[in-house]
Amino acid sequence: MKLNERLQAIKAEFKHSAPVEVQSVMNRAAEDLKQSGIMDMTLKVGDRVPEVTLPDTKGTPVSLASCLEKGPLVLTFFRGQW
């Protein structure tokens, strides 16, 4: 399954199973981010990512170069503890 297909499936499952109140909060937060202009500052398809090393979820340093050796990748950043 392609990434976009998987993401659409996750989105559909969330819409089906999450309480309406939760969906409302999530949708409002996403819209607030869009309205903030943050999307104008993000990397676009084809942009080069600066070489950095970041900690994984266990705190182990992982370089982007080592990940890219395995193929394309998607970066996810957590905004703190949930």
PDB file of N, CA and C in Angstrom:
ATOM      1  N   MET A   1       0.840  -1.176   0.000  1.00  0.00           N
ATOM      2  CA  MET A   1       0.000   0.000   0.000  1.00  0.00           C
ATOM      3  C   MET A   1       0.887   1.242   0.000  1.00  0.00           C
ATOM      4  N   LYS A   2       0.589   2.177  -0.865  1.00  0.00           N
ATOM      5  CA  LYS A   2       1.354   3.415  -0.949  1.00  0.00           C
ATOM      6  C   LYS A   2       1.074   4.285   0.272  1.00  0.00           C
ATOM      7  N   LEU A   3       2.011   5.175   0.576  1.00  0.00           N
ATOM      8  CA  LEU A   3       1.895   6.022   1.749  1.00  0.00           C
ATOM      9  C   LEU A   3       0.593   6.824   1.726  1.00  0.00           C
ATOM     10  N   ASN A   4       0.288   7.450   0.601  1.00  0.00           N
ATOM     11  CA  ASN A   4      -0.922   8.265   0.532  1.00  0.00           C
ATOM     12  C   ASN A   4      -2.173   7.427   0.792  1.00  0.00           C
ATOM     13  N   GLU A   5      -2.199   6.211   0.260  1.00  0.00           N
ATOM     14  CA  GLU A   5      -3.335   5.324   0.492  1.00  0.00           C
ATOM     15  C   GLU A   5      -3.448   4.968   1.972  1.00  0.00           C
ATOM     16  N   ARG A   6      -2.329   4.699   2.595  1.00  0.00           N
ATOM     17  CA  ARG A   6      -2.323   4.354   4.019  1.00  0.00           C
ATOM     18  C   ARG A   6      -2.789   5.538   4.859  1.00  0.00           C
ATOM     19  N   LEU A   7      -2.311   6.731   4.531  1.00  0.00           N
ATOM     20  CA  LEU A   7      -2.719   7.919   5.273  1.00  0.00           C
ATOM     21  C   LEU A   7      -4.216   8.179   5.120  1.00  0.00           C
ATOM     22  N   GLN A   8      -4.740   7.969   3.929  1.00  0.00           N
ATOM     23  CA  GLN A   8      -6.178   8.148   3.709  1.00  0.00           C
ATOM     24  C   GLN A   8      -6.979   7.118   4.525  1.00  0.00           C
ATOM     25  N   ALA A   9      -6.466   5.894   4.618  1.00  0.00           N
ATOM     26  CA  ALA A   9      -7.139   4.860   5.405  1.00  0.00           C
ATOM     27  C   ALA A   9      -7.136   5.223   6.892  1.00  0.00           C
ATOM     28  N   ILE A  10      -6.025   5.741   7.383  1.00  0.00           N
ATOM     29  CA  ILE A  10      -5.942   6.160   8.785  1.00  0.00           C
ATOM     30  C   ILE A  10      -6.912   7.304   9.038  1.00  0.00           C
ATOM     31  N   LYS A  11      -6.960   8.255   8.123  1.00  0.00           N
ATOM     32  CA  LYS A  11      -7.874   9.391   8.261  1.00  0.00           C
ATOM     33  C   LYS A  11      -9.328   8.916   8.288  1.00  0.00           C
ATOM     34  N   ALA A  12      -9.684   7.983   7.405  1.00  0.00           N
ATOM     35  CA  ALA A  12     -11.053   7.455   7.361  1.00  0.00           C
ATOM     36  C   ALA A  12     -11.393   6.716   8.648  1.00  0.00           C
ATOM     37  N   GLU A  13     -10.461   5.940   9.176  1.00  0.00           N
ATOM     38  CA  GLU A  13     -10.689   5.214  10.429  1.00  0.00           C
ATOM     39  C   GLU A  13     -10.875   6.188  11.587  1.00  0.00           C
ATOM     40  N   PHE A  14     -10.069   7.234  11.628  1.00  0.00           N
ATOM     41  CA  PHE A  14     -10.198   8.251  12.675  1.00  0.00           C
ATOM     42  C   PHE A  14     -11.575   8.900  12.605  1.00  0.00           C
ATOM     43  N   LYS A  15     -11.991   9.263  11.397  1.00  0.00           N
ATOM     44  CA  LYS A  15     -13.293   9.907  11.223  1.00  0.00           C
ATOM     45  C   LYS A  15     -14.425   8.978  11.645  1.00  0.00           C
ATOM     46  N   HIS A  16     -14.241   7.696  11.419  1.00  0.00           N
ATOM     47  CA  HIS A  16     -15.260   6.708  11.763  1.00  0.00           C
ATOM     48  C   HIS A  16     -15.309   6.417  13.264  1.00  0.00           C
ATOM     49  N   SER A  17     -14.140   6.390  13.924  1.00  0.00           N
ATOM     50  CA  SER A  17     -14.090   5.898  15.302  1.00  0.00           C
ATOM     51  C   SER A  17     -13.892   6.965  16.379  1.00  0.00           C
ATOM     52  N   ALA A  18     -13.309   8.115  16.045  1.00  0.00           N
ATOM     53  CA  ALA A  18     -13.034   9.130  17.066  1.00  0.00           C
ATOM     54  C   ALA A  18     -14.308   9.886  17.423  1.00  0.00           C
ATOM     55  N   PRO A  19     -14.466  10.230  18.695  1.00  0.00           N
ATOM     56  CA  PRO A  19     -15.626  11.035  19.092  1.00  0.00           C
ATOM     57  C   PRO A  19     -15.646  12.370  18.341  1.00  0.00           C
ATOM     58  N   VAL A  20     -16.829  12.871  18.087  1.00  0.00           N
ATOM     59  CA  VAL A  20     -16.994  14.129  17.350  1.00  0.00           C
ATOM     60  C   VAL A  20     -16.233  15.265  18.030  1.00  0.00           C
ATOM     61  N   GLU A  21     -16.225  15.288  19.357  1.00  0.00           N
ATOM     62  CA  GLU A  21     -15.528  16.350  20.086  1.00  0.00           C
ATOM     63  C   GLU A  21     -14.030  16.320  19.796  1.00  0.00           C
ATOM     64  N   VAL A  22     -13.466  15.137  19.760  1.00  0.00           N
ATOM     65  CA  VAL A  22     -12.037  14.984  19.468  1.00  0.00           C
ATOM     66  C   VAL A  22     -11.756  15.425  18.041  1.00  0.00           C
ATOM     67  N   GLN A  23     -12.583  15.009  17.113  1.00  0.00           N
ATOM     68  CA  GLN A  23     -12.399  15.410  15.719  1.00  0.00           C
ATOM     69  C   GLN A  23     -12.463  16.928  15.583  1.00  0.00           C
ATOM     70  N   SER A  24     -13.379  17.544  16.314  1.00  0.00           N
ATOM     71  CA  SER A  24     -13.525  18.993  16.260  1.00  0.00           C
ATOM     72  C   SER A  24     -12.262  19.700  16.740  1.00  0.00           C
ATOM     73  N   VAL A  25     -11.709  19.240  17.845  1.00  0.00           N
ATOM     74  CA  VAL A  25     -10.479  19.829  18.381  1.00  0.00           C
ATOM     75  C   VAL A  25      -9.326  19.649  17.387  1.00  0.00           C
ATOM     76  N   MET A  26      -9.199  18.444  16.846  1.00  0.00           N
ATOM     77  CA  MET A  26      -8.119  18.168  15.888  1.00  0.00           C
ATOM     78  C   MET A  26      -8.266  19.019  14.626  1.00  0.00           C
ATOM     79  N   ASN A  27      -9.475  19.110  14.110  1.00  0.00           N
ATOM     80  CA  ASN A  27      -9.704  19.907  12.903  1.00  0.00           C
ATOM     81  C   ASN A  27      -9.433  21.389  13.153  1.00  0.00           C
ATOM     82  N   ARG A  28      -9.848  21.881  14.313  1.00  0.00           N
ATOM     83  CA  ARG A  28      -9.605  23.282  14.655  1.00  0.00           C
ATOM     84  C   ARG A  28      -8.106  23.555  14.783  1.00  0.00           C
ATOM     85  N   ALA A  29      -7.379  22.638  15.411  1.00  0.00           N
ATOM     86  CA  ALA A  29      -5.933  22.810  15.566  1.00  0.00           C
ATOM     87  C   ALA A  29      -5.236  22.801  14.207  1.00  0.00           C
ATOM     88  N   ALA A  30      -5.660  21.917  13.319  1.00  0.00           N
ATOM     89  CA  ALA A  30      -5.070  21.859  11.975  1.00  0.00           C
ATOM     90  C   ALA A  30      -5.358  23.153  11.214  1.00  0.00           C
ATOM     91  N   GLU A  31      -6.570  23.650  11.321  1.00  0.00           N
ATOM     92  CA  GLU A  31      -6.932  24.899  10.639  1.00  0.00           C
ATOM     93  C   GLU A  31      -6.151  26.077  11.216  1.00  0.00           C
ATOM     94  N   ASP A  32      -5.968  26.113  12.524  1.00  0.00           N
ATOM     95  CA  ASP A  32      -5.174  27.176  13.147  1.00  0.00           C
ATOM     96  C   ASP A  32      -3.742  27.169  12.619  1.00  0.00           C
ATOM     97  N   LEU A  33      -3.176  25.978  12.481  1.00  0.00           N
ATOM     98  CA  LEU A  33      -1.820  25.876  11.937  1.00  0.00           C
ATOM     99  C   LEU A  33      -1.768  26.386  10.504  1.00  0.00           C
ATOM    100  N   LYS A  34      -2.739  25.996   9.682  1.00  0.00           N
ATOM    101  CA  LYS A  34      -2.772  26.470   8.293  1.00  0.00           C
ATOM    102  C   LYS A  34      -2.864  27.992   8.246  1.00  0.00           C
ATOM    103  N   GLN A  35      -3.735  28.555   9.074  1.00  0.00           N
ATOM    104  CA  GLN A  35      -3.933  30.002   9.085  1.00  0.00           C
ATOM    105  C   GLN A  35      -2.714  30.760   9.611  1.00  0.00           C
ATOM    106  N   SER A  36      -1.856  30.098  10.364  1.00  0.00           N
ATOM    107  CA  SER A  36      -0.675  30.751  10.936  1.00  0.00           C
ATOM    108  C   SER A  36       0.382  31.071   9.886  1.00  0.00           C
ATOM    109  N   GLY A  37       0.269  30.445   8.700  1.00  0.00           N
ATOM    110  CA  GLY A  37       1.275  30.658   7.660  1.00  0.00           C
ATOM    111  C   GLY A  37       2.439  29.695   7.753  1.00  0.00           C
ATOM    112  N   ILE A  38       2.362  28.739   8.644  1.00  0.00           N
ATOM    113  CA  ILE A  38       3.465  27.806   8.848  1.00  0.00           C
ATOM    114  C   ILE A  38       3.793  26.991   7.585  1.00  0.00           C
ATOM    115  N   MET A  39       2.762  26.758   6.778  1.00  0.00           N
ATOM    116  CA  MET A  39       2.980  25.960   5.573  1.00  0.00           C
ATOM    117  C   MET A  39       3.909  26.662   4.578  1.00  0.00           C
ATOM    118  N   ASP A  40       3.974  27.996   4.659  1.00  0.00           N
ATOM    119  CA  ASP A  40       4.866  28.755   3.780  1.00  0.00           C
ATOM    120  C   ASP A  40       6.329  28.551   4.149  1.00  0.00           C
ATOM    121  N   MET A  41       6.574  28.039   5.358  1.00  0.00           N
ATOM    122  CA  MET A  41       7.951  27.869   5.839  1.00  0.00           C
ATOM    123  C   MET A  41       8.431  26.419   5.764  1.00  0.00           C
ATOM    124  N   THR A  42       7.593  25.517   5.276  1.00  0.00           N
ATOM    125  CA  THR A  42       7.971  24.111   5.249  1.00  0.00           C
ATOM    126  C   THR A  42       8.742  23.766   3.989  1.00  0.00           C
ATOM    127  N   LEU A  43       9.478  22.671   4.048  1.00  0.00           N
ATOM    128  CA  LEU A  43      10.138  22.163   2.860  1.00  0.00           C
ATOM    129  C   LEU A  43       9.094  21.637   1.889  1.00  0.00           C
ATOM    130  N   LYS A  44       9.371  21.802   0.629  1.00  0.00           N
ATOM    131  CA  LYS A  44       8.459  21.333  -0.417  1.00  0.00           C
ATOM    132  C   LYS A  44       9.076  20.124  -1.116  1.00  0.00           C
ATOM    133  N   VAL A  45       8.260  19.422  -1.890  1.00  0.00           N
ATOM    134  CA  VAL A  45       8.745  18.278  -2.655  1.00  0.00           C
ATOM    135  C   VAL A  45       9.942  18.723  -3.494  1.00  0.00           C
ATOM    136  N   GLY A  46      11.025  17.983  -3.395  1.00  0.00           N
ATOM    137  CA  GLY A  46      12.230  18.294  -4.158  1.00  0.00           C
ATOM    138  C   GLY A  46      13.241  19.140  -3.406  1.00  0.00           C
ATOM    139  N   ASP A  47      12.834  19.783  -2.298  1.00  0.00           N
ATOM    140  CA  ASP A  47      13.777  20.566  -1.493  1.00  0.00           C
ATOM    141  C   ASP A  47      14.769  19.626  -0.837  1.00  0.00           C
ATOM    142  N   ARG A  48      15.962  20.128  -0.623  1.00  0.00           N
ATOM    143  CA  ARG A  48      16.993  19.345   0.057  1.00  0.00           C
ATOM    144  C   ARG A  48      16.910  19.593   1.559  1.00  0.00           C
ATOM    145  N   VAL A  49      16.946  18.518   2.309  1.00  0.00           N
ATOM    146  CA  VAL A  49      16.920  18.599   3.761  1.00  0.00           C
ATOM    147  C   VAL A  49      18.346  18.811   4.254  1.00  0.00           C
ATOM    148  N   PRO A  50      18.555  19.753   5.169  1.00  0.00           N
ATOM    149  CA  PRO A  50      19.908  19.920   5.719  1.00  0.00           C
ATOM    150  C   PRO A  50      20.330  18.656   6.468  1.00  0.00           C
ATOM    151  N   GLU A  51      21.601  18.346   6.432  1.00  0.00           N
ATOM    152  CA  GLU A  51      22.093  17.156   7.126  1.00  0.00           C
ATOM    153  C   GLU A  51      22.085  17.424   8.620  1.00  0.00           C
ATOM    154  N   VAL A  52      21.287  16.652   9.315  1.00  0.00           N
ATOM    155  CA  VAL A  52      21.191  16.767  10.768  1.00  0.00           C
ATOM    156  C   VAL A  52      21.113  15.375  11.371  1.00  0.00           C
ATOM    157  N   THR A  53      21.389  15.325  12.644  1.00  0.00           N
ATOM    158  CA  THR A  53      21.191  14.108  13.426  1.00  0.00           C
ATOM    159  C   THR A  53      20.212  14.456  14.533  1.00  0.00           C
ATOM    160  N   LEU A  54      19.151  13.664  14.634  1.00  0.00           N
ATOM    161  CA  LEU A  54      18.091  13.910  15.606  1.00  0.00           C
ATOM    162  C   LEU A  54      17.874  12.675  16.465  1.00  0.00           C
ATOM    163  N   PRO A  55      17.400  12.847  17.691  1.00  0.00           N
ATOM    164  CA  PRO A  55      17.118  11.670  18.516  1.00  0.00           C
ATOM    165  C   PRO A  55      15.823  10.991  18.074  1.00  0.00           C
ATOM    166  N   ASP A  56      15.828   9.662  18.120  1.00  0.00           N
ATOM    167  CA  ASP A  56      14.592   8.928  17.852  1.00  0.00           C
ATOM    168  C   ASP A  56      13.747   8.918  19.130  1.00  0.00           C
ATOM    169  N   THR A  57      12.668   8.164  19.137  1.00  0.00           N
ATOM    170  CA  THR A  57      11.768   8.167  20.287  1.00  0.00           C
ATOM    171  C   THR A  57      12.407   7.613  21.560  1.00  0.00           C
ATOM    172  N   LYS A  58      13.532   6.916  21.418  1.00  0.00           N
ATOM    173  CA  LYS A  58      14.235   6.381  22.588  1.00  0.00           C
ATOM    174  C   LYS A  58      15.450   7.226  22.952  1.00  0.00           C
ATOM    175  N   GLY A  59      15.666   8.327  22.203  1.00  0.00           N
ATOM    176  CA  GLY A  59      16.798   9.206  22.484  1.00  0.00           C
ATOM    177  C   GLY A  59      18.062   8.838  21.744  1.00  0.00           C
ATOM    178  N   THR A  60      18.033   7.808  20.921  1.00  0.00           N
ATOM    179  CA  THR A  60      19.201   7.381  20.169  1.00  0.00           C
ATOM    180  C   THR A  60      19.405   8.294  18.962  1.00  0.00           C
ATOM    181  N   PRO A  61      20.616   8.858  18.789  1.00  0.00           N
ATOM    182  CA  PRO A  61      20.849   9.734  17.642  1.00  0.00           C
ATOM    183  C   PRO A  61      20.719   8.969  16.317  1.00  0.00           C
ATOM    184  N   VAL A  62      20.023   9.578  15.362  1.00  0.00           N
ATOM    185  CA  VAL A  62      19.839   8.994  14.032  1.00  0.00           C
ATOM    186  C   VAL A  62      20.106  10.090  13.018  1.00  0.00           C
ATOM    187  N   SER A  63      21.033   9.844  12.087  1.00  0.00           N
ATOM    188  CA  SER A  63      21.315  10.846  11.066  1.00  0.00           C
ATOM    189  C   SER A  63      20.365  10.664   9.885  1.00  0.00           C
ATOM    190  N   LEU A  64      19.997  11.768   9.274  1.00  0.00           N
ATOM    191  CA  LEU A  64      19.133  11.694   8.100  1.00  0.00           C
ATOM    192  C   LEU A  64      19.831  10.954   6.966  1.00  0.00           C
ATOM    193  N   ALA A  65      21.139  11.143   6.842  1.00  0.00           N
ATOM    194  CA  ALA A  65      21.880  10.466   5.780  1.00  0.00           C
ATOM    195  C   ALA A  65      21.753   8.952   5.902  1.00  0.00           C
ATOM    196  N   SER A  66      21.821   8.433   7.128  1.00  0.00           N
ATOM    197  CA  SER A  66      21.710   6.982   7.308  1.00  0.00           C
ATOM    198  C   SER A  66      20.308   6.491   6.947  1.00  0.00           C
ATOM    199  N   CYS A  67      19.310   7.307   7.208  1.00  0.00           N
ATOM    200  CA  CYS A  67      17.936   6.928   6.845  1.00  0.00           C
ATOM    201  C   CYS A  67      17.737   6.981   5.338  1.00  0.00           C
ATOM    202  N   LEU A  68      18.278   8.009   4.710  1.00  0.00           N
ATOM    203  CA  LEU A  68      18.111   8.164   3.262  1.00  0.00           C
ATOM    204  C   LEU A  68      18.805   7.058   2.478  1.00  0.00           C
ATOM    205  N   GLU A  69      19.822   6.449   3.071  1.00  0.00           N
ATOM    206  CA  GLU A  69      20.485   5.325   2.406  1.00  0.00           C
ATOM    207  C   GLU A  69      19.521   4.166   2.175  1.00  0.00           C
ATOM    208  N   LYS A  70      18.482   4.095   2.994  1.00  0.00           N
ATOM    209  CA  LYS A  70      17.501   3.012   2.894  1.00  0.00           C
ATOM    210  C   LYS A  70      16.361   3.361   1.940  1.00  0.00           C
ATOM    211  N   GLY A  71      16.272   4.627   1.508  1.00  0.00           N
ATOM    212  CA  GLY A  71      15.217   5.056   0.592  1.00  0.00           C
ATOM    213  C   GLY A  71      14.547   6.319   1.096  1.00  0.00           C
ATOM    214  N   PRO A  72      13.466   6.724   0.439  1.00  0.00           N
ATOM    215  CA  PRO A  72      12.752   7.940   0.846  1.00  0.00           C
ATOM    216  C   PRO A  72      12.239   7.820   2.275  1.00  0.00           C
ATOM    217  N   LEU A  73      12.058   8.956   2.932  1.00  0.00           N
ATOM    218  CA  LEU A  73      11.579   8.907   4.300  1.00  0.00           C
ATOM    219  C   LEU A  73      10.614  10.042   4.590  1.00  0.00           C
ATOM    220  N   VAL A  74       9.871   9.874   5.646  1.00  0.00           N
ATOM    221  CA  VAL A  74       8.943  10.877   6.148  1.00  0.00           C
ATOM    222  C   VAL A  74       9.372  11.208   7.568  1.00  0.00           C
ATOM    223  N   LEU A  75       9.518  12.500   7.855  1.00  0.00           N
ATOM    224  CA  LEU A  75       9.884  12.934   9.202  1.00  0.00           C
ATOM    225  C   LEU A  75       8.633  13.331   9.962  1.00  0.00           C
ATOM    226  N   THR A  76       8.553  12.919  11.198  1.00  0.00           N
ATOM    227  CA  THR A  76       7.456  13.306  12.069  1.00  0.00           C
ATOM    228  C   THR A  76       8.049  13.915  13.325  1.00  0.00           C
ATOM    229  N   PHE A  77       7.518  15.037  13.730  1.00  0.00           N
ATOM    230  CA  PHE A  77       7.988  15.699  14.932  1.00  0.00           C
ATOM    231  C   PHE A  77       6.863  15.699  15.952  1.00  0.00           C
ATOM    232  N   PHE A  78       7.189  15.327  17.172  1.00  0.00           N
ATOM    233  CA  PHE A  78       6.220  15.339  18.252  1.00  0.00           C
ATOM    234  C   PHE A  78       6.308  16.682  18.957  1.00  0.00           C
ATOM    235  N   ARG A  79       5.173  17.290  19.255  1.00  0.00           N
ATOM    236  CA  ARG A  79       5.128  18.594  19.893  1.00  0.00           C
ATOM    237  C   ARG A  79       5.122  18.477  21.408  1.00  0.00           C
ATOM    238  N   GLY A  80       5.803  17.538  21.949  1.00  0.00           N
ATOM    239  CA  GLY A  80       5.837  17.381  23.391  1.00  0.00           C
ATOM    240  C   GLY A  80       5.120  16.109  23.823  1.00  0.00           C
ATOM    241  N   GLN A  81       4.924  15.984  25.105  1.00  0.00           N
ATOM    242  CA  GLN A  81       4.276  14.791  25.626  1.00  0.00           C
ATOM    243  C   GLN A  81       2.777  14.941  25.554  1.00  0.00           C
ATOM    244  N   TRP A  82       2.099  13.837  25.251  1.00  0.00           N
ATOM    245  CA  TRP A  82       0.642  13.868  25.120  1.00  0.00           C
ATOM    246  C   TRP A  82       0.016  13.109  26.246  1.00  0.00           C
TER     247      TRP A  82
END
